[in-house]
Amino acid sequence: MSANNPSLGGMLRRKDVQYALVFLALYVVWILWPVYGIMPFFAFAALIVSKYLKTRKALRQLTRAAKDRFPDKLPAEKWNLLLDYGFPIYAPKDSYALGQVFRVVELGGYACLVGLVVQQRWADVIACFSGCMFALHMQRMLQPERYFEKQARKKPEEFGPRAQAIRDLQAWVLSDDAP
């Protein structure tokens, strides 16, 4: 397999893909479970996620084409960051706004979680918790700089340079030097 088309087995070994699949599976269970009266909200969230995934896929294809055509413009690790976090790098304001939407969904889910625990609706508790974790994961994907800054407090040598690299890439894609 070429670098542009990784194998399915290789993709399934990545932690972020594994987490996304777990959260997506739990989210589907949550959608299918009869949550009283709020199904349109979750259908809307699923629509947002599907649009994000389509946009992310298109940006990855664009980035791969630029990497193939101009491999000397950036070091390999920055190209990889651009491939992994293209949406927040190319459109930081849109990504931040969408991340904030998922933050509100997550916090609202925690409040709903308390109400479900009080009512002892355990299946709904599990589904609600999985939805909260899915929203948290989407925040991390949409706001990687913020996530890396938080992690840099614990491991500055590992996550500090990543946050700085994302800031540098955000400036670079808007510069005249970018392809």
N, C-alpha and C. Protein backbone atom coordinates (compact mmCIF):
# COMPACT_ATOMS: atom_id res chain seq x y z
N MET A 1 0.84 -1.18 0.00
CA MET A 1 0.00 0.00 0.00
C MET A 1 0.88 1.25 0.00
N SER A 2 0.45 2.26 -0.68
CA SER A 2 1.21 3.50 -0.72
C SER A 2 0.92 4.33 0.52
N ALA A 3 1.73 5.37 0.72
CA ALA A 3 1.54 6.23 1.88
C ALA A 3 0.23 7.01 1.78
N ASN A 4 -0.25 7.23 0.56
CA ASN A 4 -1.49 7.98 0.39
C ASN A 4 -2.72 7.15 0.68
N ASN A 5 -2.61 5.84 0.57
CA ASN A 5 -3.75 4.95 0.82
C ASN A 5 -3.34 3.91 1.85
N PRO A 6 -3.37 4.26 3.14
CA PRO A 6 -2.96 3.29 4.16
C PRO A 6 -3.93 2.12 4.22
N SER A 7 -3.43 1.00 4.68
CA SER A 7 -4.27 -0.19 4.78
C SER A 7 -5.29 -0.03 5.90
N LEU A 8 -6.36 -0.78 5.81
CA LEU A 8 -7.40 -0.72 6.83
C LEU A 8 -6.84 -1.17 8.18
N GLY A 9 -6.00 -2.20 8.16
CA GLY A 9 -5.39 -2.67 9.41
C GLY A 9 -4.53 -1.61 10.05
N GLY A 10 -3.80 -0.86 9.23
CA GLY A 10 -2.97 0.23 9.75
C GLY A 10 -3.80 1.34 10.35
N MET A 11 -4.91 1.64 9.70
CA MET A 11 -5.77 2.70 10.23
C MET A 11 -6.43 2.26 11.53
N LEU A 12 -6.79 0.99 11.62
CA LEU A 12 -7.47 0.51 12.83
C LEU A 12 -6.53 0.42 14.02
N ARG A 13 -5.22 0.51 13.80
CA ARG A 13 -4.27 0.49 14.92
C ARG A 13 -4.12 1.87 15.55
N ARG A 14 -4.54 2.91 14.85
CA ARG A 14 -4.41 4.27 15.40
C ARG A 14 -5.41 4.46 16.53
N LYS A 15 -4.95 5.04 17.63
CA LYS A 15 -5.81 5.22 18.81
C LYS A 15 -6.99 6.14 18.51
N ASP A 16 -6.76 7.23 17.78
CA ASP A 16 -7.87 8.15 17.54
C ASP A 16 -8.95 7.49 16.69
N VAL A 17 -8.56 6.62 15.75
CA VAL A 17 -9.55 5.90 14.95
C VAL A 17 -10.31 4.90 15.81
N GLN A 18 -9.60 4.22 16.70
CA GLN A 18 -10.25 3.26 17.59
C GLN A 18 -11.25 3.96 18.50
N TYR A 19 -10.83 5.09 19.09
CA TYR A 19 -11.74 5.83 19.96
C TYR A 19 -12.96 6.32 19.17
N ALA A 20 -12.73 6.83 17.97
CA ALA A 20 -13.85 7.32 17.17
C ALA A 20 -14.83 6.20 16.85
N LEU A 21 -14.31 5.02 16.54
CA LEU A 21 -15.19 3.89 16.23
C LEU A 21 -16.00 3.46 17.45
N VAL A 22 -15.36 3.43 18.61
CA VAL A 22 -16.07 3.06 19.84
C VAL A 22 -17.15 4.08 20.15
N PHE A 23 -16.79 5.37 20.10
CA PHE A 23 -17.76 6.40 20.41
C PHE A 23 -18.88 6.43 19.37
N LEU A 24 -18.54 6.19 18.12
CA LEU A 24 -19.55 6.17 17.08
C LEU A 24 -20.52 5.01 17.29
N ALA A 25 -19.99 3.84 17.65
CA ALA A 25 -20.85 2.69 17.91
C ALA A 25 -21.78 2.96 19.09
N LEU A 26 -21.23 3.52 20.16
CA LEU A 26 -22.06 3.84 21.32
C LEU A 26 -23.08 4.94 20.98
N TYR A 27 -22.66 5.87 20.14
CA TYR A 27 -23.56 6.94 19.73
C TYR A 27 -24.73 6.39 18.91
N VAL A 28 -24.45 5.43 18.03
CA VAL A 28 -25.51 4.81 17.24
C VAL A 28 -26.48 4.08 18.16
N VAL A 29 -25.95 3.38 19.16
CA VAL A 29 -26.82 2.71 20.14
C VAL A 29 -27.68 3.75 20.84
N TRP A 30 -27.08 4.88 21.17
CA TRP A 30 -27.81 5.93 21.87
C TRP A 30 -28.92 6.48 20.97
N ILE A 31 -28.63 6.67 19.69
CA ILE A 31 -29.64 7.18 18.76
C ILE A 31 -30.80 6.19 18.64
N LEU A 32 -30.47 4.91 18.54
CA LEU A 32 -31.51 3.91 18.34
C LEU A 32 -32.33 3.64 19.59
N TRP A 33 -31.75 3.93 20.75
CA TRP A 33 -32.49 3.74 21.99
C TRP A 33 -33.57 4.82 22.08
N PRO A 34 -34.75 4.50 22.59
CA PRO A 34 -35.82 5.52 22.60
C PRO A 34 -35.56 6.62 23.63
N VAL A 35 -34.87 7.65 23.20
CA VAL A 35 -34.67 8.83 24.05
C VAL A 35 -35.86 9.74 23.77
N TYR A 36 -36.56 10.09 24.77
CA TYR A 36 -37.89 10.69 24.64
C TYR A 36 -37.85 12.12 24.13
N GLY A 37 -38.27 12.29 22.87
CA GLY A 37 -38.51 13.61 22.32
C GLY A 37 -37.31 14.40 21.83
N ILE A 38 -36.09 13.87 21.94
CA ILE A 38 -34.94 14.67 21.52
C ILE A 38 -34.21 14.05 20.34
N MET A 39 -34.86 13.14 19.63
CA MET A 39 -34.24 12.51 18.47
C MET A 39 -33.83 13.52 17.39
N PRO A 40 -34.63 14.55 17.09
CA PRO A 40 -34.20 15.50 16.05
C PRO A 40 -32.87 16.18 16.38
N PHE A 41 -32.63 16.45 17.66
CA PHE A 41 -31.37 17.06 18.07
C PHE A 41 -30.20 16.15 17.73
N PHE A 42 -30.33 14.88 18.02
CA PHE A 42 -29.23 13.95 17.75
C PHE A 42 -29.08 13.69 16.26
N ALA A 43 -30.17 13.73 15.52
CA ALA A 43 -30.07 13.61 14.06
C ALA A 43 -29.32 14.81 13.49
N PHE A 44 -29.57 15.99 14.05
CA PHE A 44 -28.86 17.19 13.63
C PHE A 44 -27.37 17.08 13.95
N ALA A 45 -27.05 16.55 15.14
CA ALA A 45 -25.64 16.35 15.50
C ALA A 45 -24.98 15.36 14.55
N ALA A 46 -25.69 14.31 14.17
CA ALA A 46 -25.14 13.34 13.22
C ALA A 46 -24.91 13.99 11.86
N LEU A 47 -25.79 14.89 11.46
CA LEU A 47 -25.61 15.60 10.20
C LEU A 47 -24.35 16.48 10.25
N ILE A 48 -24.15 17.17 11.38
CA ILE A 48 -22.95 18.00 11.54
C ILE A 48 -21.70 17.13 11.44
N VAL A 49 -21.70 16.00 12.11
CA VAL A 49 -20.54 15.12 12.09
C VAL A 49 -20.29 14.60 10.68
N SER A 50 -21.34 14.24 9.96
CA SER A 50 -21.14 13.73 8.60
C SER A 50 -20.57 14.81 7.69
N LYS A 51 -21.03 16.05 7.83
CA LYS A 51 -20.48 17.16 7.02
C LYS A 51 -19.02 17.41 7.39
N TYR A 52 -18.71 17.35 8.68
CA TYR A 52 -17.32 17.51 9.12
C TYR A 52 -16.43 16.43 8.52
N LEU A 53 -16.90 15.18 8.53
CA LEU A 53 -16.10 14.08 7.99
C LEU A 53 -15.88 14.23 6.48
N LYS A 54 -16.90 14.69 5.74
CA LYS A 54 -16.73 14.92 4.31
C LYS A 54 -15.73 16.04 4.05
N THR A 55 -15.83 17.12 4.82
CA THR A 55 -14.89 18.23 4.65
C THR A 55 -13.48 17.80 5.01
N ARG A 56 -13.35 17.04 6.08
CA ARG A 56 -12.03 16.56 6.50
C ARG A 56 -11.42 15.66 5.43
N LYS A 57 -12.23 14.81 4.84
CA LYS A 57 -11.73 13.91 3.79
C LYS A 57 -11.24 14.72 2.59
N ALA A 58 -12.00 15.74 2.19
CA ALA A 58 -11.60 16.58 1.06
C ALA A 58 -10.30 17.34 1.37
N LEU A 59 -10.17 17.84 2.60
CA LEU A 59 -8.95 18.55 2.97
C LEU A 59 -7.75 17.61 3.01
N ARG A 60 -7.95 16.37 3.44
CA ARG A 60 -6.86 15.39 3.43
C ARG A 60 -6.41 15.11 2.00
N GLN A 61 -7.35 15.00 1.07
CA GLN A 61 -6.99 14.77 -0.33
C GLN A 61 -6.22 15.96 -0.89
N LEU A 62 -6.67 17.17 -0.56
CA LEU A 62 -5.98 18.38 -0.99
C LEU A 62 -4.57 18.44 -0.41
N THR A 63 -4.44 18.10 0.86
CA THR A 63 -3.13 18.13 1.51
C THR A 63 -2.21 17.06 0.94
N ARG A 64 -2.74 15.88 0.66
CA ARG A 64 -1.92 14.83 0.05
C ARG A 64 -1.40 15.27 -1.32
N ALA A 65 -2.27 15.91 -2.09
CA ALA A 65 -1.85 16.39 -3.42
C ALA A 65 -0.76 17.46 -3.29
N ALA A 66 -0.92 18.37 -2.33
CA ALA A 66 0.11 19.40 -2.11
C ALA A 66 1.41 18.76 -1.61
N LYS A 67 1.31 17.77 -0.75
CA LYS A 67 2.50 17.09 -0.23
C LYS A 67 3.24 16.36 -1.36
N ASP A 68 2.49 15.71 -2.25
CA ASP A 68 3.12 15.01 -3.37
C ASP A 68 3.78 15.99 -4.34
N ARG A 69 3.16 17.13 -4.52
CA ARG A 69 3.68 18.10 -5.48
C ARG A 69 4.81 18.95 -4.91
N PHE A 70 4.72 19.28 -3.61
CA PHE A 70 5.72 20.14 -2.96
C PHE A 70 6.23 19.49 -1.68
N PRO A 71 6.93 18.37 -1.76
CA PRO A 71 7.35 17.67 -0.53
C PRO A 71 8.38 18.43 0.30
N ASP A 72 9.09 19.38 -0.33
CA ASP A 72 10.14 20.10 0.39
C ASP A 72 9.64 21.35 1.10
N LYS A 73 8.37 21.66 1.00
CA LYS A 73 7.83 22.87 1.65
C LYS A 73 7.79 22.75 3.17
N LEU A 74 7.56 21.53 3.67
CA LEU A 74 7.45 21.30 5.11
C LEU A 74 8.17 20.02 5.48
N PRO A 75 8.62 19.92 6.75
CA PRO A 75 9.15 18.63 7.21
C PRO A 75 8.03 17.58 7.29
N ALA A 76 8.40 16.33 7.30
CA ALA A 76 7.43 15.23 7.28
C ALA A 76 6.47 15.28 8.47
N GLU A 77 6.97 15.61 9.67
CA GLU A 77 6.08 15.62 10.83
C GLU A 77 5.03 16.72 10.73
N LYS A 78 5.37 17.84 10.09
CA LYS A 78 4.37 18.90 9.93
C LYS A 78 3.34 18.52 8.86
N TRP A 79 3.78 17.81 7.81
CA TRP A 79 2.82 17.31 6.83
C TRP A 79 1.85 16.35 7.50
N ASN A 80 2.36 15.51 8.40
CA ASN A 80 1.49 14.56 9.11
C ASN A 80 0.48 15.29 10.00
N LEU A 81 0.95 16.34 10.69
CA LEU A 81 0.01 17.14 11.50
C LEU A 81 -1.05 17.78 10.61
N LEU A 82 -0.62 18.27 9.46
CA LEU A 82 -1.57 18.89 8.54
C LEU A 82 -2.58 17.87 8.02
N LEU A 83 -2.14 16.64 7.80
CA LEU A 83 -3.07 15.59 7.38
C LEU A 83 -4.03 15.20 8.50
N ASP A 84 -3.52 15.12 9.73
CA ASP A 84 -4.36 14.71 10.86
C ASP A 84 -5.33 15.80 11.31
N TYR A 85 -4.87 17.05 11.31
CA TYR A 85 -5.68 18.15 11.85
C TYR A 85 -5.87 19.25 10.81
N GLY A 86 -6.19 18.87 9.59
CA GLY A 86 -6.33 19.84 8.50
C GLY A 86 -7.45 20.83 8.72
N PHE A 87 -8.61 20.36 9.15
CA PHE A 87 -9.75 21.26 9.32
C PHE A 87 -9.47 22.37 10.32
N PRO A 88 -8.94 22.07 11.53
CA PRO A 88 -8.64 23.16 12.46
C PRO A 88 -7.50 24.07 12.00
N ILE A 89 -6.63 23.55 11.13
CA ILE A 89 -5.52 24.37 10.66
C ILE A 89 -5.96 25.27 9.51
N TYR A 90 -6.71 24.73 8.56
CA TYR A 90 -7.17 25.52 7.42
C TYR A 90 -8.29 26.49 7.80
N ALA A 91 -9.16 26.12 8.72
CA ALA A 91 -10.30 26.95 9.10
C ALA A 91 -10.40 27.02 10.62
N PRO A 92 -9.47 27.73 11.29
CA PRO A 92 -9.46 27.71 12.76
C PRO A 92 -10.71 28.32 13.41
N LYS A 93 -11.27 29.37 12.81
CA LYS A 93 -12.45 29.99 13.42
C LYS A 93 -13.67 29.08 13.33
N ASP A 94 -13.86 28.47 12.17
CA ASP A 94 -14.98 27.54 12.00
C ASP A 94 -14.83 26.33 12.90
N SER A 95 -13.61 25.85 12.98
CA SER A 95 -13.33 24.68 13.82
C SER A 95 -13.58 25.00 15.29
N TYR A 96 -13.16 26.19 15.71
CA TYR A 96 -13.38 26.59 17.11
C TYR A 96 -14.88 26.68 17.41
N ALA A 97 -15.63 27.30 16.49
CA ALA A 97 -17.08 27.45 16.70
C ALA A 97 -17.77 26.09 16.78
N LEU A 98 -17.40 25.18 15.89
CA LEU A 98 -17.99 23.85 15.91
C LEU A 98 -17.58 23.08 17.17
N GLY A 99 -16.34 23.28 17.61
CA GLY A 99 -15.89 22.67 18.86
C GLY A 99 -16.68 23.17 20.05
N GLN A 100 -17.02 24.46 20.04
CA GLN A 100 -17.82 25.01 21.13
C GLN A 100 -19.23 24.43 21.14
N VAL A 101 -19.77 24.14 19.97
CA VAL A 101 -21.09 23.49 19.90
C VAL A 101 -21.02 22.14 20.59
N PHE A 102 -19.97 21.38 20.30
CA PHE A 102 -19.83 20.08 20.94
C PHE A 102 -19.53 20.21 22.44
N ARG A 103 -18.92 21.31 22.84
CA ARG A 103 -18.69 21.54 24.27
C ARG A 103 -20.03 21.73 24.99
N VAL A 104 -20.92 22.51 24.38
CA VAL A 104 -22.25 22.72 24.97
C VAL A 104 -23.01 21.40 25.02
N VAL A 105 -22.89 20.60 23.95
CA VAL A 105 -23.55 19.29 23.93
C VAL A 105 -23.00 18.41 25.05
N GLU A 106 -21.68 18.45 25.24
CA GLU A 106 -21.08 17.63 26.29
C GLU A 106 -21.56 18.08 27.67
N LEU A 107 -21.52 19.37 27.94
CA LEU A 107 -21.93 19.87 29.26
C LEU A 107 -23.42 19.62 29.50
N GLY A 108 -24.24 19.81 28.47
CA GLY A 108 -25.66 19.49 28.60
C GLY A 108 -25.89 18.01 28.84
N GLY A 109 -25.05 17.19 28.22
CA GLY A 109 -25.14 15.74 28.43
C GLY A 109 -24.83 15.35 29.86
N TYR A 110 -23.85 16.04 30.47
CA TYR A 110 -23.53 15.74 31.87
C TYR A 110 -24.70 16.11 32.78
N ALA A 111 -25.36 17.23 32.49
CA ALA A 111 -26.53 17.62 33.29
C ALA A 111 -27.65 16.59 33.11
N CYS A 112 -27.84 16.15 31.87
CA CYS A 112 -28.84 15.12 31.59
C CYS A 112 -28.47 13.81 32.29
N LEU A 113 -27.19 13.54 32.36
CA LEU A 113 -26.69 12.32 33.01
C LEU A 113 -27.11 12.27 34.47
N VAL A 114 -27.01 13.41 35.15
CA VAL A 114 -27.41 13.47 36.56
C VAL A 114 -28.90 13.17 36.70
N GLY A 115 -29.71 13.76 35.83
CA GLY A 115 -31.15 13.51 35.89
C GLY A 115 -31.49 12.05 35.63
N LEU A 116 -30.78 11.42 34.71
CA LEU A 116 -31.04 10.01 34.41
C LEU A 116 -30.61 9.10 35.56
N VAL A 117 -29.52 9.46 36.24
CA VAL A 117 -29.08 8.65 37.39
C VAL A 117 -30.11 8.74 38.51
N VAL A 118 -30.63 9.95 38.74
CA VAL A 118 -31.65 10.12 39.78
C VAL A 118 -32.88 9.28 39.46
N GLN A 119 -33.24 9.19 38.19
CA GLN A 119 -34.40 8.39 37.78
C GLN A 119 -34.07 6.91 37.63
N GLN A 120 -32.82 6.55 37.79
CA GLN A 120 -32.33 5.17 37.69
C GLN A 120 -32.65 4.55 36.33
N ARG A 121 -32.44 5.31 35.28
CA ARG A 121 -32.61 4.81 33.91
C ARG A 121 -31.22 4.44 33.39
N TRP A 122 -30.75 3.26 33.74
CA TRP A 122 -29.35 2.89 33.55
C TRP A 122 -28.96 2.71 32.09
N ALA A 123 -29.84 2.22 31.28
CA ALA A 123 -29.51 2.10 29.84
C ALA A 123 -29.33 3.48 29.22
N ASP A 124 -30.20 4.41 29.62
CA ASP A 124 -30.07 5.78 29.13
C ASP A 124 -28.83 6.46 29.69
N VAL A 125 -28.43 6.11 30.92
CA VAL A 125 -27.21 6.66 31.51
C VAL A 125 -26.00 6.26 30.67
N ILE A 126 -25.93 4.99 30.29
CA ILE A 126 -24.81 4.51 29.48
C ILE A 126 -24.81 5.22 28.12
N ALA A 127 -25.97 5.33 27.52
CA ALA A 127 -26.07 5.99 26.22
C ALA A 127 -25.71 7.46 26.32
N CYS A 128 -26.17 8.13 27.36
CA CYS A 128 -25.88 9.55 27.54
C CYS A 128 -24.39 9.76 27.79
N PHE A 129 -23.78 8.90 28.58
CA PHE A 129 -22.35 9.01 28.85
C PHE A 129 -21.55 8.81 27.56
N SER A 130 -21.95 7.86 26.74
CA SER A 130 -21.24 7.64 25.48
C SER A 130 -21.38 8.86 24.56
N GLY A 131 -22.53 9.50 24.58
CA GLY A 131 -22.71 10.73 23.81
C GLY A 131 -21.82 11.85 24.31
N CYS A 132 -21.66 11.96 25.63
CA CYS A 132 -20.76 12.96 26.21
C CYS A 132 -19.32 12.70 25.78
N MET A 133 -18.92 11.45 25.80
CA MET A 133 -17.55 11.11 25.39
C MET A 133 -17.34 11.36 23.90
N PHE A 134 -18.36 11.12 23.10
CA PHE A 134 -18.27 11.41 21.67
C PHE A 134 -18.09 12.91 21.46
N ALA A 135 -18.86 13.73 22.19
CA ALA A 135 -18.74 15.18 22.08
C ALA A 135 -17.36 15.64 22.52
N LEU A 136 -16.82 15.04 23.58
CA LEU A 136 -15.47 15.38 24.03
C LEU A 136 -14.44 15.03 22.96
N HIS A 137 -14.59 13.87 22.34
CA HIS A 137 -13.67 13.46 21.28
C HIS A 137 -13.74 14.42 20.09
N MET A 138 -14.93 14.85 19.73
CA MET A 138 -15.06 15.80 18.62
C MET A 138 -14.41 17.14 18.98
N GLN A 139 -14.50 17.56 20.24
CA GLN A 139 -13.81 18.78 20.65
C GLN A 139 -12.31 18.65 20.46
N ARG A 140 -11.77 17.51 20.84
CA ARG A 140 -10.33 17.29 20.70
C ARG A 140 -9.91 17.29 19.24
N MET A 141 -10.75 16.75 18.37
CA MET A 141 -10.42 16.74 16.95
C MET A 141 -10.56 18.14 16.34
N LEU A 142 -11.53 18.92 16.82
CA LEU A 142 -11.78 20.24 16.26
C LEU A 142 -10.91 21.33 16.88
N GLN A 143 -10.43 21.11 18.10
CA GLN A 143 -9.60 22.09 18.79
C GLN A 143 -8.33 21.42 19.32
N PRO A 144 -7.48 20.91 18.42
CA PRO A 144 -6.29 20.18 18.89
C PRO A 144 -5.30 21.07 19.63
N GLU A 145 -5.20 22.32 19.22
CA GLU A 145 -4.26 23.22 19.89
C GLU A 145 -4.61 23.37 21.37
N ARG A 146 -5.89 23.54 21.64
CA ARG A 146 -6.35 23.67 23.03
C ARG A 146 -6.08 22.38 23.82
N TYR A 147 -6.35 21.24 23.18
CA TYR A 147 -6.09 19.95 23.83
C TYR A 147 -4.60 19.77 24.12
N PHE A 148 -3.75 20.10 23.14
CA PHE A 148 -2.31 19.94 23.33
C PHE A 148 -1.78 20.89 24.41
N GLU A 149 -2.36 22.09 24.49
CA GLU A 149 -1.93 23.02 25.54
C GLU A 149 -2.28 22.48 26.92
N LYS A 150 -3.45 21.87 27.06
CA LYS A 150 -3.82 21.27 28.35
C LYS A 150 -2.89 20.11 28.69
N GLN A 151 -2.59 19.27 27.70
CA GLN A 151 -1.71 18.13 27.94
C GLN A 151 -0.27 18.57 28.18
N ALA A 152 0.11 19.73 27.65
CA ALA A 152 1.48 20.23 27.82
C ALA A 152 1.77 20.58 29.28
N ARG A 153 0.74 20.82 30.07
CA ARG A 153 0.96 21.08 31.50
C ARG A 153 1.51 19.84 32.19
N LYS A 154 1.08 18.66 31.72
CA LYS A 154 1.55 17.40 32.31
C LYS A 154 2.84 16.92 31.65
N LYS A 155 2.90 17.01 30.32
CA LYS A 155 4.06 16.53 29.56
C LYS A 155 4.48 17.62 28.57
N PRO A 156 5.18 18.66 29.07
CA PRO A 156 5.51 19.78 28.17
C PRO A 156 6.43 19.41 27.01
N GLU A 157 7.33 18.46 27.22
CA GLU A 157 8.27 18.11 26.15
C GLU A 157 7.58 17.38 24.99
N GLU A 158 6.46 16.72 25.25
CA GLU A 158 5.76 15.99 24.20
C GLU A 158 4.69 16.83 23.51
N PHE A 159 3.87 17.53 24.29
CA PHE A 159 2.71 18.21 23.72
C PHE A 159 2.95 19.70 23.43
N GLY A 160 3.90 20.32 24.10
CA GLY A 160 4.19 21.73 23.85
C GLY A 160 4.58 22.01 22.41
N PRO A 161 5.52 21.24 21.85
CA PRO A 161 5.89 21.47 20.45
C PRO A 161 4.74 21.21 19.46
N ARG A 162 3.86 20.28 19.80
CA ARG A 162 2.72 20.02 18.91
C ARG A 162 1.78 21.21 18.84
N ALA A 163 1.49 21.82 20.00
CA ALA A 163 0.62 23.00 20.02
C ALA A 163 1.26 24.13 19.23
N GLN A 164 2.57 24.32 19.41
CA GLN A 164 3.27 25.36 18.67
C GLN A 164 3.29 25.06 17.18
N ALA A 165 3.46 23.79 16.82
CA ALA A 165 3.47 23.40 15.40
C ALA A 165 2.12 23.69 14.75
N ILE A 166 1.03 23.47 15.48
CA ILE A 166 -0.30 23.76 14.92
C ILE A 166 -0.47 25.26 14.72
N ARG A 167 0.00 26.07 15.69
CA ARG A 167 -0.06 27.52 15.53
C ARG A 167 0.76 27.96 14.31
N ASP A 168 1.96 27.38 14.17
CA ASP A 168 2.82 27.72 13.03
C ASP A 168 2.16 27.34 11.71
N LEU A 169 1.53 26.16 11.67
CA LEU A 169 0.87 25.72 10.44
C LEU A 169 -0.33 26.60 10.11
N GLN A 170 -1.05 27.07 11.14
CA GLN A 170 -2.19 27.96 10.88
C GLN A 170 -1.71 29.26 10.22
N ALA A 171 -0.56 29.76 10.67
CA ALA A 171 0.00 30.96 10.05
C ALA A 171 0.56 30.64 8.66
N TRP A 172 1.16 29.46 8.52
CA TRP A 172 1.80 29.09 7.25
C TRP A 172 0.79 28.92 6.12
N VAL A 173 -0.37 28.30 6.39
CA VAL A 173 -1.34 28.08 5.31
C VAL A 173 -1.91 29.39 4.76
N LEU A 174 -1.84 30.45 5.55
CA LEU A 174 -2.32 31.76 5.08
C LEU A 174 -1.22 32.60 4.44
N SER A 175 0.03 32.14 4.54
CA SER A 175 1.15 32.91 4.01
C SER A 175 1.31 32.69 2.51
N ASP A 176 2.18 33.50 1.91
CA ASP A 176 2.47 33.37 0.48
C ASP A 176 3.37 32.17 0.19
N ASP A 177 4.02 31.65 1.22
CA ASP A 177 4.93 30.51 1.05
C ASP A 177 4.19 29.19 0.86
N ALA A 178 2.94 29.14 1.29
CA ALA A 178 2.16 27.89 1.19
C ALA A 178 1.77 27.62 -0.25
N PRO A 179 1.75 26.35 -0.65
CA PRO A 179 1.35 26.03 -2.03
C PRO A 179 -0.14 26.23 -2.26
